Every structure is written in structure tokens, then in C-alpha cells.
Amino acid sequence: MTSLGKELHNTIRNLEKLRDSQNPPSDDVIAKLDVLYDQQIDLIDAAINKNTEKYKKATTSMKEAAKKTKEAIDDLAKLEQALEKIANAIGKVTELLDEVA
């Protein structure tokens, strides 16, 4: 089973590659990275039950975001779709973190 932390890491890594390929990087990419970094730290500190539906939805959503960001590395025309997937994943992780806060 895929872990949320792993998918979050993959999304961050891919988004960092996208950021580094842009000159200058878009404000939206930088903003999303900032939120993802914060969520990564929050997930480390949180006591999360991995068997909940919210965890599964957040993991699936982040996996989709990681996939889309990887596609956008090869085709910048897909960046907007990737950013939409990231925004959705951020929302799911926020819901999950709010539940354990």
C-alpha cells in the first residue's frame, strides 16, 4: 500500500523540478511548494490512523498529484492540470490533519 508521506515526497520532488525548470518560477508553484513543505512537517508530527477513509482519500489524491507533476516535467502544457491536482491533494491532507488536531 502506498503511504501518504511517500506520495507527498514524490509530489514535492516533482514540483521542485518544475520550479527549477522555470525562469523565473511561477508564484503558484512556489506557493504550492510552501504548503506542501508545511504539510510534510505536520504529517510527521501527527498521530494519524492510516486505516481511515480520509487518509486513503488523501493518499490517492496525492498520488494523482505526483503523477500529474511528473507528466508536467516532460510537458509544461500539463502544469495547470498538475497544479489543480496539487490543490485538491492539499485540501484532502488539510482535512486529514484537521481531524487529528
PDB file of N, CA and C in Angstrom:
ATOM      1  N   MET A   1       0.845  -1.185   0.000  1.00  0.00           N
ATOM      2  CA  MET A   1       0.000   0.000   0.000  1.00  0.00           C
ATOM      3  C   MET A   1       0.888   1.246   0.000  1.00  0.00           C
ATOM      4  N   THR A   2       0.517   2.194  -0.768  1.00  0.00           N
ATOM      5  CA  THR A   2       1.248   3.446  -0.879  1.00  0.00           C
ATOM      6  C   THR A   2       0.992   4.298   0.360  1.00  0.00           C
ATOM      7  N   SER A   3       2.035   4.957   0.850  1.00  0.00           N
ATOM      8  CA  SER A   3       1.853   5.821   2.013  1.00  0.00           C
ATOM      9  C   SER A   3       1.700   7.272   1.578  1.00  0.00           C
ATOM     10  N   LEU A   4       0.980   8.010   2.372  1.00  0.00           N
ATOM     11  CA  LEU A   4       0.767   9.425   2.095  1.00  0.00           C
ATOM     12  C   LEU A   4       2.097  10.177   2.113  1.00  0.00           C
ATOM     13  N   GLY A   5       2.945   9.853   3.071  1.00  0.00           N
ATOM     14  CA  GLY A   5       4.244  10.513   3.158  1.00  0.00           C
ATOM     15  C   GLY A   5       5.081  10.318   1.912  1.00  0.00           C
ATOM     16  N   LYS A   6       5.052   9.104   1.371  1.00  0.00           N
ATOM     17  CA  LYS A   6       5.822   8.815   0.154  1.00  0.00           C
ATOM     18  C   LYS A   6       5.276   9.610  -1.026  1.00  0.00           C
ATOM     19  N   GLU A   7       3.966   9.634  -1.180  1.00  0.00           N
ATOM     20  CA  GLU A   7       3.361  10.361  -2.298  1.00  0.00           C
ATOM     21  C   GLU A   7       3.563  11.867  -2.155  1.00  0.00           C
ATOM     22  N   LEU A   8       3.516  12.352  -0.930  1.00  0.00           N
ATOM     23  CA  LEU A   8       3.786  13.772  -0.691  1.00  0.00           C
ATOM     24  C   LEU A   8       5.229  14.099  -1.075  1.00  0.00           C
ATOM     25  N   HIS A   9       6.145  13.225  -0.689  1.00  0.00           N
ATOM     26  CA  HIS A   9       7.555  13.410  -1.060  1.00  0.00           C
ATOM     27  C   HIS A   9       7.722  13.423  -2.581  1.00  0.00           C
ATOM     28  N   ASN A  10       7.070  12.493  -3.265  1.00  0.00           N
ATOM     29  CA  ASN A  10       7.161  12.434  -4.731  1.00  0.00           C
ATOM     30  C   ASN A  10       6.611  13.706  -5.375  1.00  0.00           C
ATOM     31  N   THR A  11       5.496  14.185  -4.855  1.00  0.00           N
ATOM     32  CA  THR A  11       4.902  15.415  -5.391  1.00  0.00           C
ATOM     33  C   THR A  11       5.844  16.596  -5.187  1.00  0.00           C
ATOM     34  N   ILE A  12       6.410  16.699  -4.002  1.00  0.00           N
ATOM     35  CA  ILE A  12       7.350  17.792  -3.721  1.00  0.00           C
ATOM     36  C   ILE A  12       8.554  17.711  -4.648  1.00  0.00           C
ATOM     37  N   ARG A  13       9.120  16.529  -4.778  1.00  0.00           N
ATOM     38  CA  ARG A  13      10.302  16.353  -5.637  1.00  0.00           C
ATOM     39  C   ARG A  13       9.997  16.768  -7.076  1.00  0.00           C
ATOM     40  N   ASN A  14       8.864  16.332  -7.595  1.00  0.00           N
ATOM     41  CA  ASN A  14       8.497  16.683  -8.969  1.00  0.00           C
ATOM     42  C   ASN A  14       8.231  18.177  -9.112  1.00  0.00           C
ATOM     43  N   LEU A  15       7.567  18.754  -8.131  1.00  0.00           N
ATOM     44  CA  LEU A  15       7.271  20.187  -8.190  1.00  0.00           C
ATOM     45  C   LEU A  15       8.558  21.015  -8.078  1.00  0.00           C
ATOM     46  N   GLU A  16       9.514  20.531  -7.301  1.00  0.00           N
ATOM     47  CA  GLU A  16      10.809  21.212  -7.229  1.00  0.00           C
ATOM     48  C   GLU A  16      11.510  21.195  -8.590  1.00  0.00           C
ATOM     49  N   LYS A  17      11.411  20.079  -9.288  1.00  0.00           N
ATOM     50  CA  LYS A  17      11.993  20.001 -10.635  1.00  0.00           C
ATOM     51  C   LYS A  17      11.314  20.994 -11.574  1.00  0.00           C
ATOM     52  N   LEU A  18      10.001  21.098 -11.462  1.00  0.00           N
ATOM     53  CA  LEU A  18       9.269  22.068 -12.280  1.00  0.00           C
ATOM     54  C   LEU A  18       9.684  23.492 -11.929  1.00  0.00           C
ATOM     55  N   ARG A  19       9.789  23.764 -10.648  1.00  0.00           N
ATOM     56  CA  ARG A  19      10.222  25.097 -10.205  1.00  0.00           C
ATOM     57  C   ARG A  19      11.593  25.430 -10.789  1.00  0.00           C
ATOM     58  N   ASP A  20      12.506  24.470 -10.716  1.00  0.00           N
ATOM     59  CA  ASP A  20      13.872  24.699 -11.184  1.00  0.00           C
ATOM     60  C   ASP A  20      13.956  24.842 -12.699  1.00  0.00           C
ATOM     61  N   SER A  21      12.961  24.317 -13.406  1.00  0.00           N
ATOM     62  CA  SER A  21      12.972  24.410 -14.869  1.00  0.00           C
ATOM     63  C   SER A  21      12.400  25.739 -15.366  1.00  0.00           C
ATOM     64  N   GLN A  22      11.745  26.476 -14.488  1.00  0.00           N
ATOM     65  CA  GLN A  22      11.137  27.752 -14.867  1.00  0.00           C
ATOM     66  C   GLN A  22      12.069  28.903 -14.490  1.00  0.00           C
ATOM     67  N   ASN A  23      12.105  29.906 -15.352  1.00  0.00           N
ATOM     68  CA  ASN A  23      12.926  31.068 -15.049  1.00  0.00           C
ATOM     69  C   ASN A  23      12.175  32.335 -15.414  1.00  0.00           C
ATOM     70  N   PRO A  24      11.582  33.014 -14.500  1.00  0.00           N
ATOM     71  CA  PRO A  24      11.512  32.718 -13.071  1.00  0.00           C
ATOM     72  C   PRO A  24      10.401  31.704 -12.779  1.00  0.00           C
ATOM     73  N   PRO A  25      10.482  31.035 -11.641  1.00  0.00           N
ATOM     74  CA  PRO A  25       9.420  30.079 -11.298  1.00  0.00           C
ATOM     75  C   PRO A  25       8.106  30.806 -11.032  1.00  0.00           C
ATOM     76  N   SER A  26       7.016  30.137 -11.343  1.00  0.00           N
ATOM     77  CA  SER A  26       5.706  30.771 -11.149  1.00  0.00           C
ATOM     78  C   SER A  26       5.391  30.893  -9.658  1.00  0.00           C
ATOM     79  N   ASP A  27       4.676  31.946  -9.335  1.00  0.00           N
ATOM     80  CA  ASP A  27       4.275  32.176  -7.946  1.00  0.00           C
ATOM     81  C   ASP A  27       3.409  31.038  -7.430  1.00  0.00           C
ATOM     82  N   ASP A  28       2.575  30.474  -8.304  1.00  0.00           N
ATOM     83  CA  ASP A  28       1.688  29.383  -7.903  1.00  0.00           C
ATOM     84  C   ASP A  28       2.490  28.140  -7.522  1.00  0.00           C
ATOM     85  N   VAL A  29       3.526  27.836  -8.285  1.00  0.00           N
ATOM     86  CA  VAL A  29       4.376  26.679  -7.979  1.00  0.00           C
ATOM     87  C   VAL A  29       5.049  26.888  -6.622  1.00  0.00           C
ATOM     88  N   ILE A  30       5.587  28.066  -6.400  1.00  0.00           N
ATOM     89  CA  ILE A  30       6.266  28.355  -5.134  1.00  0.00           C
ATOM     90  C   ILE A  30       5.285  28.288  -3.962  1.00  0.00           C
ATOM     91  N   ALA A  31       4.097  28.831  -4.150  1.00  0.00           N
ATOM     92  CA  ALA A  31       3.086  28.811  -3.088  1.00  0.00           C
ATOM     93  C   ALA A  31       2.676  27.382  -2.744  1.00  0.00           C
ATOM     94  N   LYS A  32       2.474  26.559  -3.770  1.00  0.00           N
ATOM     95  CA  LYS A  32       2.089  25.162  -3.529  1.00  0.00           C
ATOM     96  C   LYS A  32       3.213  24.422  -2.804  1.00  0.00           C
ATOM     97  N   LEU A  33       4.452  24.673  -3.203  1.00  0.00           N
ATOM     98  CA  LEU A  33       5.585  24.042  -2.525  1.00  0.00           C
ATOM     99  C   LEU A  33       5.618  24.423  -1.051  1.00  0.00           C
ATOM    100  N   ASP A  34       5.392  25.678  -0.744  1.00  0.00           N
ATOM    101  CA  ASP A  34       5.394  26.124   0.653  1.00  0.00           C
ATOM    102  C   ASP A  34       4.362  25.360   1.473  1.00  0.00           C
ATOM    103  N   VAL A  35       3.168  25.215   0.932  1.00  0.00           N
ATOM    104  CA  VAL A  35       2.111  24.494   1.645  1.00  0.00           C
ATOM    105  C   VAL A  35       2.481  23.021   1.800  1.00  0.00           C
ATOM    106  N   LEU A  36       3.007  22.420   0.740  1.00  0.00           N
ATOM    107  CA  LEU A  36       3.385  21.006   0.803  1.00  0.00           C
ATOM    108  C   LEU A  36       4.499  20.771   1.823  1.00  0.00           C
ATOM    109  N   TYR A  37       5.471  21.669   1.895  1.00  0.00           N
ATOM    110  CA  TYR A  37       6.528  21.547   2.910  1.00  0.00           C
ATOM    111  C   TYR A  37       5.920  21.576   4.315  1.00  0.00           C
ATOM    112  N   ASP A  38       5.003  22.508   4.540  1.00  0.00           N
ATOM    113  CA  ASP A  38       4.349  22.603   5.850  1.00  0.00           C
ATOM    114  C   ASP A  38       3.561  21.336   6.163  1.00  0.00           C
ATOM    115  N   GLN A  39       2.844  20.830   5.170  1.00  0.00           N
ATOM    116  CA  GLN A  39       2.057  19.620   5.399  1.00  0.00           C
ATOM    117  C   GLN A  39       2.959  18.420   5.671  1.00  0.00           C
ATOM    118  N   GLN A  40       4.104  18.374   5.019  1.00  0.00           N
ATOM    119  CA  GLN A  40       5.036  17.275   5.252  1.00  0.00           C
ATOM    120  C   GLN A  40       5.480  17.275   6.718  1.00  0.00           C
ATOM    121  N   ILE A  41       5.798  18.436   7.244  1.00  0.00           N
ATOM    122  CA  ILE A  41       6.198  18.555   8.646  1.00  0.00           C
ATOM    123  C   ILE A  41       5.035  18.186   9.562  1.00  0.00           C
ATOM    124  N   ASP A  42       3.849  18.687   9.255  1.00  0.00           N
ATOM    125  CA  ASP A  42       2.676  18.398  10.076  1.00  0.00           C
ATOM    126  C   ASP A  42       2.353  16.909  10.092  1.00  0.00           C
ATOM    127  N   LEU A  43       2.520  16.236   8.964  1.00  0.00           N
ATOM    128  CA  LEU A  43       2.247  14.796   8.906  1.00  0.00           C
ATOM    129  C   LEU A  43       3.226  14.007   9.763  1.00  0.00           C
ATOM    130  N   ILE A  44       4.465  14.460   9.812  1.00  0.00           N
ATOM    131  CA  ILE A  44       5.465  13.775  10.639  1.00  0.00           C
ATOM    132  C   ILE A  44       5.066  13.857  12.108  1.00  0.00           C
ATOM    133  N   ASP A  45       4.555  15.006  12.516  1.00  0.00           N
ATOM    134  CA  ASP A  45       4.203  15.238  13.915  1.00  0.00           C
ATOM    135  C   ASP A  45       2.841  14.669  14.313  1.00  0.00           C
ATOM    136  N   ALA A  46       1.991  14.376  13.353  1.00  0.00           N
ATOM    137  CA  ALA A  46       0.615  13.958  13.649  1.00  0.00           C
ATOM    138  C   ALA A  46       0.524  12.455  13.909  1.00  0.00           C
ATOM    139  N   ALA A  47      -0.384  12.110  14.796  1.00  0.00           N
ATOM    140  CA  ALA A  47      -0.693  10.703  15.053  1.00  0.00           C
ATOM    141  C   ALA A  47      -1.910  10.352  14.202  1.00  0.00           C
ATOM    142  N   ILE A  48      -1.642   9.813  13.025  1.00  0.00           N
ATOM    143  CA  ILE A  48      -2.710   9.578  12.052  1.00  0.00           C
ATOM    144  C   ILE A  48      -2.997   8.088  11.929  1.00  0.00           C
ATOM    145  N   ASN A  49      -4.279   7.761  11.944  1.00  0.00           N
ATOM    146  CA  ASN A  49      -4.710   6.390  11.707  1.00  0.00           C
ATOM    147  C   ASN A  49      -4.770   6.176  10.200  1.00  0.00           C
ATOM    148  N   LYS A  50      -3.925   5.291   9.702  1.00  0.00           N
ATOM    149  CA  LYS A  50      -3.833   5.067   8.259  1.00  0.00           C
ATOM    150  C   LYS A  50      -4.994   4.252   7.700  1.00  0.00           C
ATOM    151  N   ASN A  51      -5.852   3.778   8.553  1.00  0.00           N
ATOM    152  CA  ASN A  51      -6.975   2.958   8.097  1.00  0.00           C
ATOM    153  C   ASN A  51      -8.259   3.752   7.890  1.00  0.00           C
ATOM    154  N   THR A  52      -8.189   5.069   8.026  1.00  0.00           N
ATOM    155  CA  THR A  52      -9.398   5.875   7.857  1.00  0.00           C
ATOM    156  C   THR A  52      -9.634   6.194   6.380  1.00  0.00           C
ATOM    157  N   GLU A  53     -10.867   6.521   6.084  1.00  0.00           N
ATOM    158  CA  GLU A  53     -11.236   6.886   4.714  1.00  0.00           C
ATOM    159  C   GLU A  53     -10.552   8.186   4.292  1.00  0.00           C
ATOM    160  N   LYS A  54     -10.431   9.138   5.215  1.00  0.00           N
ATOM    161  CA  LYS A  54      -9.773  10.411   4.880  1.00  0.00           C
ATOM    162  C   LYS A  54      -8.305  10.196   4.531  1.00  0.00           C
ATOM    163  N   TYR A  55      -7.640   9.291   5.242  1.00  0.00           N
ATOM    164  CA  TYR A  55      -6.237   9.000   4.932  1.00  0.00           C
ATOM    165  C   TYR A  55      -6.134   8.390   3.534  1.00  0.00           C
ATOM    166  N   LYS A  56      -7.007   7.451   3.245  1.00  0.00           N
ATOM    167  CA  LYS A  56      -6.980   6.792   1.934  1.00  0.00           C
ATOM    168  C   LYS A  56      -7.257   7.788   0.809  1.00  0.00           C
ATOM    169  N   LYS A  57      -8.225   8.682   1.024  1.00  0.00           N
ATOM    170  CA  LYS A  57      -8.540   9.693   0.006  1.00  0.00           C
ATOM    171  C   LYS A  57      -7.383  10.666  -0.174  1.00  0.00           C
ATOM    172  N   ALA A  58      -6.763  11.073   0.919  1.00  0.00           N
ATOM    173  CA  ALA A  58      -5.622  11.990   0.837  1.00  0.00           C
ATOM    174  C   ALA A  58      -4.460  11.326   0.102  1.00  0.00           C
ATOM    175  N   THR A  59      -4.228  10.048   0.378  1.00  0.00           N
ATOM    176  CA  THR A  59      -3.140   9.320  -0.278  1.00  0.00           C
ATOM    177  C   THR A  59      -3.405   9.186  -1.769  1.00  0.00           C
ATOM    178  N   THR A  60      -4.616   8.810  -2.131  1.00  0.00           N
ATOM    179  CA  THR A  60      -4.975   8.676  -3.545  1.00  0.00           C
ATOM    180  C   THR A  60      -4.846  10.013  -4.266  1.00  0.00           C
ATOM    181  N   SER A  61      -5.312  11.065  -3.635  1.00  0.00           N
ATOM    182  CA  SER A  61      -5.247  12.396  -4.228  1.00  0.00           C
ATOM    183  C   SER A  61      -3.799  12.852  -4.408  1.00  0.00           C
ATOM    184  N   MET A  62      -2.950  12.582  -3.422  1.00  0.00           N
ATOM    185  CA  MET A  62      -1.544  12.976  -3.523  1.00  0.00           C
ATOM    186  C   MET A  62      -0.829  12.128  -4.574  1.00  0.00           C
ATOM    187  N   LYS A  63      -1.224  10.878  -4.707  1.00  0.00           N
ATOM    188  CA  LYS A  63      -0.632  10.018  -5.742  1.00  0.00           C
ATOM    189  C   LYS A  63      -0.959  10.574  -7.129  1.00  0.00           C
ATOM    190  N   GLU A  64      -2.203  11.027  -7.318  1.00  0.00           N
ATOM    191  CA  GLU A  64      -2.598  11.640  -8.592  1.00  0.00           C
ATOM    192  C   GLU A  64      -1.807  12.923  -8.841  1.00  0.00           C
ATOM    193  N   ALA A  65      -1.590  13.700  -7.782  1.00  0.00           N
ATOM    194  CA  ALA A  65      -0.808  14.937  -7.911  1.00  0.00           C
ATOM    195  C   ALA A  65       0.632  14.624  -8.304  1.00  0.00           C
ATOM    196  N   ALA A  66       1.204  13.599  -7.691  1.00  0.00           N
ATOM    197  CA  ALA A  66       2.579  13.205  -8.028  1.00  0.00           C
ATOM    198  C   ALA A  66       2.668  12.775  -9.487  1.00  0.00           C
ATOM    199  N   LYS A  67       1.667  12.031  -9.937  1.00  0.00           N
ATOM    200  CA  LYS A  67       1.655  11.568 -11.330  1.00  0.00           C
ATOM    201  C   LYS A  67       1.559  12.751 -12.296  1.00  0.00           C
ATOM    202  N   LYS A  68       0.659  13.679 -12.000  1.00  0.00           N
ATOM    203  CA  LYS A  68       0.478  14.833 -12.895  1.00  0.00           C
ATOM    204  C   LYS A  68       1.704  15.741 -12.898  1.00  0.00           C
ATOM    205  N   THR A  69       2.349  15.903 -11.744  1.00  0.00           N
ATOM    206  CA  THR A  69       3.552  16.743 -11.734  1.00  0.00           C
ATOM    207  C   THR A  69       4.673  16.084 -12.526  1.00  0.00           C
ATOM    208  N   LYS A  70       4.744  14.772 -12.472  1.00  0.00           N
ATOM    209  CA  LYS A  70       5.755  14.059 -13.270  1.00  0.00           C
ATOM    210  C   LYS A  70       5.483  14.258 -14.759  1.00  0.00           C
ATOM    211  N   GLU A  71       4.215  14.186 -15.151  1.00  0.00           N
ATOM    212  CA  GLU A  71       3.852  14.425 -16.552  1.00  0.00           C
ATOM    213  C   GLU A  71       4.187  15.858 -16.963  1.00  0.00           C
ATOM    214  N   ALA A  72       3.982  16.802 -16.058  1.00  0.00           N
ATOM    215  CA  ALA A  72       4.243  18.213 -16.366  1.00  0.00           C
ATOM    216  C   ALA A  72       5.732  18.501 -16.529  1.00  0.00           C
ATOM    217  N   ILE A  73       6.579  17.687 -15.907  1.00  0.00           N
ATOM    218  CA  ILE A  73       8.025  17.855 -16.088  1.00  0.00           C
ATOM    219  C   ILE A  73       8.376  17.682 -17.562  1.00  0.00           C
ATOM    220  N   ASP A  74       7.742  16.707 -18.190  1.00  0.00           N
ATOM    221  CA  ASP A  74       8.010  16.422 -19.604  1.00  0.00           C
ATOM    222  C   ASP A  74       7.218  17.310 -20.550  1.00  0.00           C
ATOM    223  N   ASP A  75       6.105  17.838 -20.081  1.00  0.00           N
ATOM    224  CA  ASP A  75       5.233  18.651 -20.931  1.00  0.00           C
ATOM    225  C   ASP A  75       4.645  19.788 -20.096  1.00  0.00           C
ATOM    226  N   LEU A  76       5.263  20.953 -20.166  1.00  0.00           N
ATOM    227  CA  LEU A  76       4.828  22.087 -19.343  1.00  0.00           C
ATOM    228  C   LEU A  76       3.388  22.509 -19.609  1.00  0.00           C
ATOM    229  N   ALA A  77       2.830  22.091 -20.734  1.00  0.00           N
ATOM    230  CA  ALA A  77       1.427  22.397 -21.016  1.00  0.00           C
ATOM    231  C   ALA A  77       0.507  21.718 -19.997  1.00  0.00           C
ATOM    232  N   LYS A  78       1.012  20.714 -19.301  1.00  0.00           N
ATOM    233  CA  LYS A  78       0.220  19.992 -18.304  1.00  0.00           C
ATOM    234  C   LYS A  78       0.381  20.573 -16.899  1.00  0.00           C
ATOM    235  N   LEU A  79       1.109  21.664 -16.782  1.00  0.00           N
ATOM    236  CA  LEU A  79       1.355  22.251 -15.464  1.00  0.00           C
ATOM    237  C   LEU A  79       0.067  22.685 -14.779  1.00  0.00           C
ATOM    238  N   GLU A  80      -0.836  23.296 -15.508  1.00  0.00           N
ATOM    239  CA  GLU A  80      -2.087  23.769 -14.901  1.00  0.00           C
ATOM    240  C   GLU A  80      -2.883  22.609 -14.315  1.00  0.00           C
ATOM    241  N   GLN A  81      -2.962  21.491 -15.051  1.00  0.00           N
ATOM    242  CA  GLN A  81      -3.647  20.301 -14.535  1.00  0.00           C
ATOM    243  C   GLN A  81      -2.958  19.801 -13.276  1.00  0.00           C
ATOM    244  N   ALA A  82      -1.639  19.810 -13.289  1.00  0.00           N
ATOM    245  CA  ALA A  82      -0.877  19.350 -12.127  1.00  0.00           C
ATOM    246  C   ALA A  82      -1.162  20.230 -10.913  1.00  0.00           C
ATOM    247  N   LEU A  83      -1.205  21.531 -11.123  1.00  0.00           N
ATOM    248  CA  LEU A  83      -1.471  22.450 -10.016  1.00  0.00           C
ATOM    249  C   LEU A  83      -2.876  22.259  -9.457  1.00  0.00           C
ATOM    250  N   GLU A  84      -3.829  21.930 -10.317  1.00  0.00           N
ATOM    251  CA  GLU A  84      -5.190  21.637  -9.853  1.00  0.00           C
ATOM    252  C   GLU A  84      -5.206  20.376  -8.995  1.00  0.00           C
ATOM    253  N   LYS A  85      -4.481  19.350  -9.425  1.00  0.00           N
ATOM    254  CA  LYS A  85      -4.398  18.105  -8.648  1.00  0.00           C
ATOM    255  C   LYS A  85      -3.721  18.358  -7.305  1.00  0.00           C
ATOM    256  N   ILE A  86      -2.687  19.195  -7.320  1.00  0.00           N
ATOM    257  CA  ILE A  86      -1.999  19.521  -6.074  1.00  0.00           C
ATOM    258  C   ILE A  86      -2.938  20.257  -5.128  1.00  0.00           C
ATOM    259  N   ALA A  87      -3.688  21.213  -5.641  1.00  0.00           N
ATOM    260  CA  ALA A  87      -4.638  21.956  -4.805  1.00  0.00           C
ATOM    261  C   ALA A  87      -5.657  21.009  -4.181  1.00  0.00           C
ATOM    262  N   ASN A  88      -6.139  20.052  -4.954  1.00  0.00           N
ATOM    263  CA  ASN A  88      -7.083  19.068  -4.446  1.00  0.00           C
ATOM    264  C   ASN A  88      -6.429  18.221  -3.353  1.00  0.00           C
ATOM    265  N   ALA A  89      -5.204  17.780  -3.601  1.00  0.00           N
ATOM    266  CA  ALA A  89      -4.494  16.955  -2.626  1.00  0.00           C
ATOM    267  C   ALA A  89      -4.223  17.733  -1.341  1.00  0.00           C
ATOM    268  N   ILE A  90      -3.848  18.991  -1.481  1.00  0.00           N
ATOM    269  CA  ILE A  90      -3.618  19.835  -0.307  1.00  0.00           C
ATOM    270  C   ILE A  90      -4.891  19.912   0.532  1.00  0.00           C
ATOM    271  N   GLY A  91      -6.026  20.060  -0.129  1.00  0.00           N
ATOM    272  CA  GLY A  91      -7.300  20.103   0.582  1.00  0.00           C
ATOM    273  C   GLY A  91      -7.586  18.821   1.341  1.00  0.00           C
ATOM    274  N   LYS A  92      -7.311  17.690   0.723  1.00  0.00           N
ATOM    275  CA  LYS A  92      -7.549  16.391   1.373  1.00  0.00           C
ATOM    276  C   LYS A  92      -6.628  16.207   2.579  1.00  0.00           C
ATOM    277  N   VAL A  93      -5.366  16.598   2.430  1.00  0.00           N
ATOM    278  CA  VAL A  93      -4.424  16.476   3.549  1.00  0.00           C
ATOM    279  C   VAL A  93      -4.824  17.427   4.675  1.00  0.00           C
ATOM    280  N   THR A  94      -5.278  18.612   4.326  1.00  0.00           N
ATOM    281  CA  THR A  94      -5.737  19.568   5.337  1.00  0.00           C
ATOM    282  C   THR A  94      -6.905  18.988   6.126  1.00  0.00           C
ATOM    283  N   GLU A  95      -7.858  18.371   5.437  1.00  0.00           N
ATOM    284  CA  GLU A  95      -8.989  17.729   6.116  1.00  0.00           C
ATOM    285  C   GLU A  95      -8.496  16.655   7.074  1.00  0.00           C
ATOM    286  N   LEU A  96      -7.549  15.863   6.623  1.00  0.00           N
ATOM    287  CA  LEU A  96      -6.998  14.793   7.448  1.00  0.00           C
ATOM    288  C   LEU A  96      -6.301  15.363   8.680  1.00  0.00           C
ATOM    289  N   LEU A  97      -5.476  16.376   8.480  1.00  0.00           N
ATOM    290  CA  LEU A  97      -4.750  16.974   9.599  1.00  0.00           C
ATOM    291  C   LEU A  97      -5.696  17.675  10.573  1.00  0.00           C
ATOM    292  N   ASP A  98      -6.751  18.290  10.053  1.00  0.00           N
ATOM    293  CA  ASP A  98      -7.735  18.949  10.919  1.00  0.00           C
ATOM    294  C   ASP A  98      -8.424  17.939  11.830  1.00  0.00           C
ATOM    295  N   GLU A  99      -8.592  16.733  11.332  1.00  0.00           N
ATOM    296  CA  GLU A  99      -9.263  15.690  12.103  1.00  0.00           C
ATOM    297  C   GLU A  99      -8.431  15.244  13.309  1.00  0.00           C
ATOM    298  N   VAL A 100      -7.122  15.266  13.174  1.00  0.00           N
ATOM    299  CA  VAL A 100      -6.260  14.799  14.265  1.00  0.00           C
ATOM    300  C   VAL A 100      -5.741  15.939  15.139  1.00  0.00           C
ATOM    301  N   ALA A 101      -6.042  17.163  14.752  1.00  0.00           N
ATOM    302  CA  ALA A 101      -5.536  18.318  15.527  1.00  0.00           C
ATOM    303  C   ALA A 101      -6.300  18.493  16.817  1.00  0.00           C
TER     304      ALA A 101
END
